Amino acid sequence: MKETGIAPEESIIIGDSSIDMLTAKNAGIWSCGVTYGLSPETLEKFPGDAMVDSPLEWTELFGA
């Protein structure tokens, strides 16, 4: 974000694990958890701000 000049509130982390969601939280970034990755079971304890089951849901989530 520093290199591109993008603010945390304009950023998102999309990930399949609790580590991804905690990274987003610690950076003040919005998070999207995906249930189709390598560690989706870890998202039960630390879910994202949004959760999706397919990349097709991204268009609805992002308003495209």
PDB file of N, CA and C in Angstrom:
ATOM      1  N   MET A   1       0.828  -1.180   0.000  1.00  0.00           N
ATOM      2  CA  MET A   1       0.000   0.000   0.000  1.00  0.00           C
ATOM      3  C   MET A   1       0.875   1.247   0.000  1.00  0.00           C
ATOM      4  N   LYS A   2       1.949   1.179   0.742  1.00  0.00           N
ATOM      5  CA  LYS A   2       2.838   2.330   0.793  1.00  0.00           C
ATOM      6  C   LYS A   2       3.431   2.631  -0.579  1.00  0.00           C
ATOM      7  N   GLU A   3       3.845   1.588  -1.297  1.00  0.00           N
ATOM      8  CA  GLU A   3       4.449   1.778  -2.609  1.00  0.00           C
ATOM      9  C   GLU A   3       3.465   2.335  -3.635  1.00  0.00           C
ATOM     10  N   THR A   4       2.196   1.955  -3.520  1.00  0.00           N
ATOM     11  CA  THR A   4       1.197   2.388  -4.500  1.00  0.00           C
ATOM     12  C   THR A   4       0.413   3.615  -4.066  1.00  0.00           C
ATOM     13  N   GLY A   5       0.514   3.964  -2.794  1.00  0.00           N
ATOM     14  CA  GLY A   5      -0.222   5.111  -2.288  1.00  0.00           C
ATOM     15  C   GLY A   5      -1.691   4.828  -2.034  1.00  0.00           C
ATOM     16  N   ILE A   6      -2.053   3.561  -1.954  1.00  0.00           N
ATOM     17  CA  ILE A   6      -3.444   3.181  -1.694  1.00  0.00           C
ATOM     18  C   ILE A   6      -3.662   3.073  -0.184  1.00  0.00           C
ATOM     19  N   ALA A   7      -4.749   3.656   0.280  1.00  0.00           N
ATOM     20  CA  ALA A   7      -5.073   3.649   1.711  1.00  0.00           C
ATOM     21  C   ALA A   7      -5.650   2.301   2.129  1.00  0.00           C
ATOM     22  N   PRO A   8      -5.505   1.936   3.404  1.00  0.00           N
ATOM     23  CA  PRO A   8      -6.064   0.675   3.895  1.00  0.00           C
ATOM     24  C   PRO A   8      -7.558   0.531   3.617  1.00  0.00           C
ATOM     25  N   GLU A   9      -8.313   1.610   3.747  1.00  0.00           N
ATOM     26  CA  GLU A   9      -9.760   1.519   3.517  1.00  0.00           C
ATOM     27  C   GLU A   9     -10.111   1.326   2.044  1.00  0.00           C
ATOM     28  N   GLU A  10      -9.121   1.440   1.173  1.00  0.00           N
ATOM     29  CA  GLU A  10      -9.321   1.203  -0.261  1.00  0.00           C
ATOM     30  C   GLU A  10      -8.751  -0.146  -0.698  1.00  0.00           C
ATOM     31  N   SER A  11      -8.357  -0.951   0.279  1.00  0.00           N
ATOM     32  CA  SER A  11      -7.682  -2.216  -0.001  1.00  0.00           C
ATOM     33  C   SER A  11      -8.482  -3.396   0.516  1.00  0.00           C
ATOM     34  N   ILE A  12      -8.145  -4.578   0.024  1.00  0.00           N
ATOM     35  CA  ILE A  12      -8.786  -5.804   0.482  1.00  0.00           C
ATOM     36  C   ILE A  12      -7.783  -6.947   0.392  1.00  0.00           C
ATOM     37  N   ILE A  13      -7.886  -7.845   1.329  1.00  0.00           N
ATOM     38  CA  ILE A  13      -7.152  -9.102   1.259  1.00  0.00           C
ATOM     39  C   ILE A  13      -8.178 -10.196   1.035  1.00  0.00           C
ATOM     40  N   ILE A  14      -7.954 -10.990  -0.010  1.00  0.00           N
ATOM     41  CA  ILE A  14      -8.787 -12.149  -0.281  1.00  0.00           C
ATOM     42  C   ILE A  14      -7.942 -13.365   0.068  1.00  0.00           C
ATOM     43  N   GLY A  15      -8.443 -14.185   0.972  1.00  0.00           N
ATOM     44  CA  GLY A  15      -7.641 -15.322   1.393  1.00  0.00           C
ATOM     45  C   GLY A  15      -8.466 -16.495   1.867  1.00  0.00           C
ATOM     46  N   ASP A  16      -7.776 -17.608   2.053  1.00  0.00           N
ATOM     47  CA  ASP A  16      -8.440 -18.848   2.425  1.00  0.00           C
ATOM     48  C   ASP A  16      -8.052 -19.346   3.819  1.00  0.00           C
ATOM     49  N   SER A  17      -7.439 -18.477   4.619  1.00  0.00           N
ATOM     50  CA  SER A  17      -7.008 -18.935   5.941  1.00  0.00           C
ATOM     51  C   SER A  17      -7.166 -17.851   6.994  1.00  0.00           C
ATOM     52  N   SER A  18      -7.138 -18.292   8.228  1.00  0.00           N
ATOM     53  CA  SER A  18      -7.227 -17.347   9.340  1.00  0.00           C
ATOM     54  C   SER A  18      -6.037 -16.394   9.341  1.00  0.00           C
ATOM     55  N   ILE A  19      -4.893 -16.854   8.883  1.00  0.00           N
ATOM     56  CA  ILE A  19      -3.712 -15.983   8.821  1.00  0.00           C
ATOM     57  C   ILE A  19      -3.981 -14.805   7.889  1.00  0.00           C
ATOM     58  N   ASP A  20      -4.616 -15.079   6.762  1.00  0.00           N
ATOM     59  CA  ASP A  20      -4.960 -13.997   5.832  1.00  0.00           C
ATOM     60  C   ASP A  20      -5.918 -12.996   6.473  1.00  0.00           C
ATOM     61  N   MET A  21      -6.922 -13.505   7.182  1.00  0.00           N
ATOM     62  CA  MET A  21      -7.928 -12.636   7.797  1.00  0.00           C
ATOM     63  C   MET A  21      -7.314 -11.820   8.938  1.00  0.00           C
ATOM     64  N   LEU A  22      -6.443 -12.433   9.713  1.00  0.00           N
ATOM     65  CA  LEU A  22      -5.774 -11.705  10.806  1.00  0.00           C
ATOM     66  C   LEU A  22      -4.804 -10.671  10.260  1.00  0.00           C
ATOM     67  N   THR A  23      -4.151 -10.984   9.163  1.00  0.00           N
ATOM     68  CA  THR A  23      -3.260 -10.009   8.519  1.00  0.00           C
ATOM     69  C   THR A  23      -4.046  -8.782   8.086  1.00  0.00           C
ATOM     70  N   ALA A  24      -5.203  -9.014   7.474  1.00  0.00           N
ATOM     71  CA  ALA A  24      -6.058  -7.897   7.049  1.00  0.00           C
ATOM     72  C   ALA A  24      -6.494  -7.067   8.254  1.00  0.00           C
ATOM     73  N   LYS A  25      -6.946  -7.737   9.294  1.00  0.00           N
ATOM     74  CA  LYS A  25      -7.406  -7.029  10.491  1.00  0.00           C
ATOM     75  C   LYS A  25      -6.286  -6.186  11.086  1.00  0.00           C
ATOM     76  N   ASN A  26      -5.100  -6.755  11.200  1.00  0.00           N
ATOM     77  CA  ASN A  26      -3.972  -6.035  11.786  1.00  0.00           C
ATOM     78  C   ASN A  26      -3.513  -4.860  10.939  1.00  0.00           C
ATOM     79  N   ALA A  27      -3.761  -4.929   9.624  1.00  0.00           N
ATOM     80  CA  ALA A  27      -3.375  -3.844   8.724  1.00  0.00           C
ATOM     81  C   ALA A  27      -4.495  -2.829   8.525  1.00  0.00           C
ATOM     82  N   GLY A  28      -5.674  -3.096   9.117  1.00  0.00           N
ATOM     83  CA  GLY A  28      -6.799  -2.189   8.942  1.00  0.00           C
ATOM     84  C   GLY A  28      -7.420  -2.294   7.559  1.00  0.00           C
ATOM     85  N   ILE A  29      -7.318  -3.486   6.966  1.00  0.00           N
ATOM     86  CA  ILE A  29      -7.804  -3.727   5.608  1.00  0.00           C
ATOM     87  C   ILE A  29      -9.045  -4.603   5.668  1.00  0.00           C
ATOM     88  N   TRP A  30      -9.975  -4.367   4.756  1.00  0.00           N
ATOM     89  CA  TRP A  30     -11.162  -5.188   4.633  1.00  0.00           C
ATOM     90  C   TRP A  30     -10.746  -6.570   4.155  1.00  0.00           C
ATOM     91  N   SER A  31     -11.448  -7.625   4.566  1.00  0.00           N
ATOM     92  CA  SER A  31     -11.055  -8.981   4.193  1.00  0.00           C
ATOM     93  C   SER A  31     -12.213  -9.759   3.596  1.00  0.00           C
ATOM     94  N   CYS A  32     -11.858 -10.658   2.697  1.00  0.00           N
ATOM     95  CA  CYS A  32     -12.825 -11.569   2.086  1.00  0.00           C
ATOM     96  C   CYS A  32     -12.269 -12.975   2.217  1.00  0.00           C
ATOM     97  N   GLY A  33     -12.966 -13.809   2.966  1.00  0.00           N
ATOM     98  CA  GLY A  33     -12.556 -15.195   3.117  1.00  0.00           C
ATOM     99  C   GLY A  33     -13.174 -16.043   2.024  1.00  0.00           C
ATOM    100  N   VAL A  34     -12.368 -16.949   1.466  1.00  0.00           N
ATOM    101  CA  VAL A  34     -12.862 -17.846   0.427  1.00  0.00           C
ATOM    102  C   VAL A  34     -12.853 -19.275   0.959  1.00  0.00           C
ATOM    103  N   THR A  35     -13.964 -19.969   0.751  1.00  0.00           N
ATOM    104  CA  THR A  35     -14.122 -21.311   1.317  1.00  0.00           C
ATOM    105  C   THR A  35     -13.585 -22.404   0.407  1.00  0.00           C
ATOM    106  N   TYR A  36     -12.939 -22.050  -0.683  1.00  0.00           N
ATOM    107  CA  TYR A  36     -12.495 -23.048  -1.654  1.00  0.00           C
ATOM    108  C   TYR A  36     -10.970 -23.120  -1.755  1.00  0.00           C
ATOM    109  N   GLY A  37     -10.255 -22.663  -0.760  1.00  0.00           N
ATOM    110  CA  GLY A  37      -8.798 -22.663  -0.803  1.00  0.00           C
ATOM    111  C   GLY A  37      -8.179 -23.807  -0.028  1.00  0.00           C
ATOM    112  N   LEU A  38      -6.962 -23.596   0.420  1.00  0.00           N
ATOM    113  CA  LEU A  38      -6.200 -24.639   1.090  1.00  0.00           C
ATOM    114  C   LEU A  38      -6.553 -24.824   2.570  1.00  0.00           C
ATOM    115  N   SER A  39      -6.974 -23.769   3.263  1.00  0.00           N
ATOM    116  CA  SER A  39      -7.224 -23.861   4.703  1.00  0.00           C
ATOM    117  C   SER A  39      -8.540 -23.221   5.120  1.00  0.00           C
ATOM    118  N   PRO A  40      -9.634 -23.462   4.415  1.00  0.00           N
ATOM    119  CA  PRO A  40     -10.881 -22.787   4.753  1.00  0.00           C
ATOM    120  C   PRO A  40     -11.436 -23.154   6.128  1.00  0.00           C
ATOM    121  N   GLU A  41     -11.051 -24.300   6.647  1.00  0.00           N
ATOM    122  CA  GLU A  41     -11.538 -24.688   7.977  1.00  0.00           C
ATOM    123  C   GLU A  41     -11.074 -23.722   9.060  1.00  0.00           C
ATOM    124  N   THR A  42      -9.960 -23.027   8.833  1.00  0.00           N
ATOM    125  CA  THR A  42      -9.467 -22.065   9.816  1.00  0.00           C
ATOM    126  C   THR A  42     -10.299 -20.785   9.841  1.00  0.00           C
ATOM    127  N   LEU A  43     -11.128 -20.585   8.807  1.00  0.00           N
ATOM    128  CA  LEU A  43     -11.967 -19.391   8.745  1.00  0.00           C
ATOM    129  C   LEU A  43     -13.147 -19.454   9.707  1.00  0.00           C
ATOM    130  N   GLU A  44     -13.425 -20.638  10.245  1.00  0.00           N
ATOM    131  CA  GLU A  44     -14.513 -20.754  11.217  1.00  0.00           C
ATOM    132  C   GLU A  44     -14.222 -19.912  12.453  1.00  0.00           C
ATOM    133  N   LYS A  45     -12.975 -19.905  12.878  1.00  0.00           N
ATOM    134  CA  LYS A  45     -12.593 -19.142  14.069  1.00  0.00           C
ATOM    135  C   LYS A  45     -12.349 -17.668  13.755  1.00  0.00           C
ATOM    136  N   PHE A  46     -11.807 -17.396  12.577  1.00  0.00           N
ATOM    137  CA  PHE A  46     -11.484 -16.026  12.163  1.00  0.00           C
ATOM    138  C   PHE A  46     -12.027 -15.769  10.758  1.00  0.00           C
ATOM    139  N   PRO A  47     -13.324 -15.547  10.622  1.00  0.00           N
ATOM    140  CA  PRO A  47     -13.897 -15.313   9.289  1.00  0.00           C
ATOM    141  C   PRO A  47     -13.527 -13.932   8.754  1.00  0.00           C
ATOM    142  N   GLY A  48     -13.696 -13.767   7.456  1.00  0.00           N
ATOM    143  CA  GLY A  48     -13.465 -12.470   6.838  1.00  0.00           C
ATOM    144  C   GLY A  48     -14.657 -11.557   7.044  1.00  0.00           C
ATOM    145  N   ASP A  49     -14.489 -10.302   6.666  1.00  0.00           N
ATOM    146  CA  ASP A  49     -15.610  -9.359   6.705  1.00  0.00           C
ATOM    147  C   ASP A  49     -16.722  -9.834   5.783  1.00  0.00           C
ATOM    148  N   ALA A  50     -16.316 -10.477   4.695  1.00  0.00           N
ATOM    149  CA  ALA A  50     -17.253 -11.116   3.762  1.00  0.00           C
ATOM    150  C   ALA A  50     -16.721 -12.522   3.515  1.00  0.00           C
ATOM    151  N   MET A  51     -17.621 -13.423   3.174  1.00  0.00           N
ATOM    152  CA  MET A  51     -17.232 -14.798   2.869  1.00  0.00           C
ATOM    153  C   MET A  51     -17.869 -15.196   1.543  1.00  0.00           C
ATOM    154  N   VAL A  52     -17.103 -15.885   0.697  1.00  0.00           N
ATOM    155  CA  VAL A  52     -17.637 -16.356  -0.576  1.00  0.00           C
ATOM    156  C   VAL A  52     -17.260 -17.818  -0.788  1.00  0.00           C
ATOM    157  N   ASP A  53     -18.109 -18.511  -1.550  1.00  0.00           N
ATOM    158  CA  ASP A  53     -17.888 -19.919  -1.868  1.00  0.00           C
ATOM    159  C   ASP A  53     -17.362 -20.123  -3.285  1.00  0.00           C
ATOM    160  N   SER A  54     -17.324 -19.044  -4.072  1.00  0.00           N
ATOM    161  CA  SER A  54     -16.893 -19.142  -5.469  1.00  0.00           C
ATOM    162  C   SER A  54     -16.417 -17.774  -5.946  1.00  0.00           C
ATOM    163  N   PRO A  55     -15.434 -17.746  -6.842  1.00  0.00           N
ATOM    164  CA  PRO A  55     -15.010 -16.459  -7.410  1.00  0.00           C
ATOM    165  C   PRO A  55     -16.153 -15.746  -8.142  1.00  0.00           C
ATOM    166  N   LEU A  56     -17.149 -16.497  -8.589  1.00  0.00           N
ATOM    167  CA  LEU A  56     -18.293 -15.880  -9.262  1.00  0.00           C
ATOM    168  C   LEU A  56     -19.030 -14.902  -8.347  1.00  0.00           C
ATOM    169  N   GLU A  57     -18.911 -15.099  -7.043  1.00  0.00           N
ATOM    170  CA  GLU A  57     -19.576 -14.219  -6.074  1.00  0.00           C
ATOM    171  C   GLU A  57     -18.870 -12.875  -5.931  1.00  0.00           C
ATOM    172  N   TRP A  58     -17.647 -12.781  -6.415  1.00  0.00           N
ATOM    173  CA  TRP A  58     -16.895 -11.520  -6.300  1.00  0.00           C
ATOM    174  C   TRP A  58     -17.598 -10.380  -7.011  1.00  0.00           C
ATOM    175  N   THR A  59     -18.207 -10.638  -8.158  1.00  0.00           N
ATOM    176  CA  THR A  59     -18.860  -9.557  -8.900  1.00  0.00           C
ATOM    177  C   THR A  59     -19.993  -8.948  -8.089  1.00  0.00           C
ATOM    178  N   GLU A  60     -20.731  -9.780  -7.397  1.00  0.00           N
ATOM    179  CA  GLU A  60     -21.810  -9.263  -6.531  1.00  0.00           C
ATOM    180  C   GLU A  60     -21.215  -8.510  -5.342  1.00  0.00           C
ATOM    181  N   LEU A  61     -20.178  -9.061  -4.776  1.00  0.00           N
ATOM    182  CA  LEU A  61     -19.549  -8.463  -3.608  1.00  0.00           C
ATOM    183  C   LEU A  61     -18.958  -7.093  -3.934  1.00  0.00           C
ATOM    184  N   PHE A  62     -18.327  -6.987  -5.090  1.00  0.00           N
ATOM    185  CA  PHE A  62     -17.653  -5.741  -5.474  1.00  0.00           C
ATOM    186  C   PHE A  62     -18.524  -4.821  -6.312  1.00  0.00           C
ATOM    187  N   GLY A  63     -19.764  -5.208  -6.539  1.00  0.00           N
ATOM    188  CA  GLY A  63     -20.701  -4.345  -7.242  1.00  0.00           C
ATOM    189  C   GLY A  63     -20.420  -4.216  -8.732  1.00  0.00           C
ATOM    190  N   ALA A  64     -19.790  -5.219  -9.299  1.00  0.00           N
ATOM    191  CA  ALA A  64     -19.498  -5.157 -10.744  1.00  0.00           C
ATOM    192  C   ALA A  64     -20.653  -5.641 -11.566  1.00  0.00           C
TER     193      ALA A  64
END
